[in-house]
Amino acid sequence: MSDESHPPAPNAAVQMLVDELGVESTRELVEIYLREFGKLRDQLASGDRKQQRFAAHSLKSSSHHMGAVALSEMMARFEERLEQPAGAALDATEVAAVEREFEVVAAPLRGFLAG
């Protein structure tokens, strides 16, 4: 698909990627983000604070690049908490909230890929 015939970007952050990298490279990044979420979600659900912190950090950055501001901010709060010696690990309710917030941004990203 040529750059001229791509569907509109789902948000300003993805449009910036399209402008900087082109449509095909942006689509690759979107595919990676959507694919990697499952692995990172599993790390968040692991109960292991070190794995959770790594996953929160990764999702904070990648979500920001995908325009998932609320998810990125949620991950920043979790990462900060997990860095504290007395910071509690994430529980199932928090992981479920992450999944819900991910779906808010994932649907339009999937639409961008399908178009």
Protein backbone atom coordinates (compact mmCIF):
# COMPACT_ATOMS: atom_id res chain seq x y z
CA MET A 1 0.00 0.00 0.00
CA SER A 2 1.38 3.38 -0.92
CA ASP A 3 1.64 6.24 1.52
CA GLU A 4 -0.98 8.18 -0.45
CA SER A 5 -3.75 5.60 0.06
CA HIS A 6 -3.38 4.83 3.76
CA PRO A 7 -6.24 5.35 6.20
CA PRO A 8 -5.98 8.31 8.55
CA ALA A 9 -3.89 7.75 11.65
CA PRO A 10 -5.98 7.00 14.75
CA ASN A 11 -4.33 9.77 16.77
CA ALA A 12 -1.76 12.56 16.60
CA ALA A 13 1.10 10.41 17.94
CA VAL A 14 0.67 7.81 15.21
CA GLN A 15 0.35 10.58 12.62
CA MET A 16 3.71 11.93 13.81
CA LEU A 17 5.21 8.48 13.26
CA VAL A 18 3.70 8.35 9.76
CA ASP A 19 5.12 11.79 8.99
CA GLU A 20 8.57 10.83 10.27
CA LEU A 21 8.85 7.17 9.24
CA GLY A 22 6.27 6.62 6.55
CA VAL A 23 3.19 4.43 6.59
CA GLU A 24 4.83 1.02 6.24
CA SER A 25 7.36 1.56 9.03
CA THR A 26 4.62 2.95 11.27
CA ARG A 27 2.45 -0.09 10.55
CA GLU A 28 5.34 -2.33 11.56
CA LEU A 29 5.68 -0.46 14.86
CA VAL A 30 1.94 -0.69 15.49
CA GLU A 31 2.01 -4.44 14.77
CA ILE A 32 4.89 -4.92 17.21
CA TYR A 33 3.10 -2.92 19.90
CA LEU A 34 -0.09 -4.91 19.53
CA ARG A 35 1.76 -8.24 19.42
CA GLU A 36 4.05 -7.51 22.37
CA PHE A 37 1.26 -6.36 24.66
CA GLY A 38 0.27 -9.95 25.52
CA LYS A 39 3.78 -10.82 26.67
CA LEU A 40 4.05 -7.65 28.72
CA ARG A 41 0.57 -8.16 30.21
CA ASP A 42 1.66 -11.65 31.31
CA GLN A 43 4.68 -10.10 33.02
CA LEU A 44 2.40 -7.62 34.77
CA ALA A 45 0.25 -10.52 35.98
CA SER A 46 3.26 -12.58 37.12
CA GLY A 47 3.37 -11.24 40.67
CA ASP A 48 7.15 -10.80 40.32
CA ARG A 49 7.89 -7.12 41.03
CA LYS A 50 11.05 -7.08 38.90
CA GLN A 51 9.17 -8.44 35.86
CA GLN A 52 6.28 -6.10 36.55
CA ARG A 53 8.58 -3.08 36.70
CA PHE A 54 10.22 -4.06 33.41
CA ALA A 55 6.82 -4.54 31.76
CA ALA A 56 5.48 -1.26 33.16
CA HIS A 57 8.53 0.60 31.88
CA SER A 58 8.24 -0.96 28.41
CA LEU A 59 4.52 -0.28 28.17
CA LYS A 60 4.97 3.28 29.44
CA SER A 61 7.26 4.13 26.55
CA SER A 62 5.61 2.18 23.76
CA SER A 63 2.12 3.31 24.77
CA HIS A 64 3.27 6.92 24.69
CA HIS A 65 4.52 6.45 21.11
CA MET A 66 1.19 4.90 20.10
CA GLY A 67 -0.82 7.79 21.53
CA ALA A 68 -2.14 5.79 24.47
CA VAL A 69 -1.59 8.63 26.93
CA ALA A 70 -3.81 7.29 29.72
CA LEU A 71 -2.15 3.86 29.54
CA SER A 72 1.32 5.42 29.47
CA GLU A 73 0.48 7.50 32.56
CA MET A 74 -0.93 4.43 34.33
CA MET A 75 2.29 2.54 33.58
CA ALA A 76 4.39 5.45 34.88
CA ARG A 77 2.51 5.33 38.20
CA PHE A 78 2.95 1.55 38.45
CA GLU A 79 6.63 1.77 37.52
CA GLU A 80 7.23 4.42 40.17
CA ARG A 81 5.48 2.32 42.80
CA LEU A 82 7.37 -0.83 41.82
CA GLU A 83 10.70 1.00 42.11
CA GLN A 84 10.02 1.71 45.79
CA PRO A 85 11.39 -0.94 48.19
CA ALA A 86 8.01 -1.15 49.93
CA GLY A 87 5.96 -0.79 46.74
CA ALA A 88 3.35 -3.51 46.38
CA ALA A 89 3.23 -5.75 43.33
CA LEU A 90 0.35 -5.26 40.92
CA ASP A 91 -2.77 -7.26 41.64
CA ALA A 92 -5.31 -8.85 39.29
CA THR A 93 -7.62 -5.82 39.47
CA GLU A 94 -4.83 -3.52 38.31
CA VAL A 95 -3.82 -5.88 35.50
CA ALA A 96 -7.47 -5.98 34.37
CA ALA A 97 -7.51 -2.16 34.33
CA VAL A 98 -4.40 -2.21 32.14
CA GLU A 99 -6.12 -4.60 29.72
CA ARG A 100 -9.21 -2.40 29.53
CA GLU A 101 -7.16 0.71 28.87
CA PHE A 102 -5.13 -1.13 26.22
CA GLU A 103 -8.31 -2.09 24.36
CA VAL A 104 -9.33 1.57 24.19
CA VAL A 105 -6.29 2.32 22.02
CA ALA A 106 -5.86 -1.11 20.40
CA ALA A 107 -9.14 -1.03 18.47
CA PRO A 108 -8.28 2.13 16.48
CA LEU A 109 -4.72 0.86 15.95
CA ARG A 110 -6.07 -2.40 14.55
CA GLY A 111 -8.31 -0.35 12.27
CA PHE A 112 -5.26 1.55 11.05
CA LEU A 113 -3.59 -1.75 10.18
CA ALA A 114 -6.69 -3.12 8.46
CA GLY A 115 -7.16 -0.03 6.30
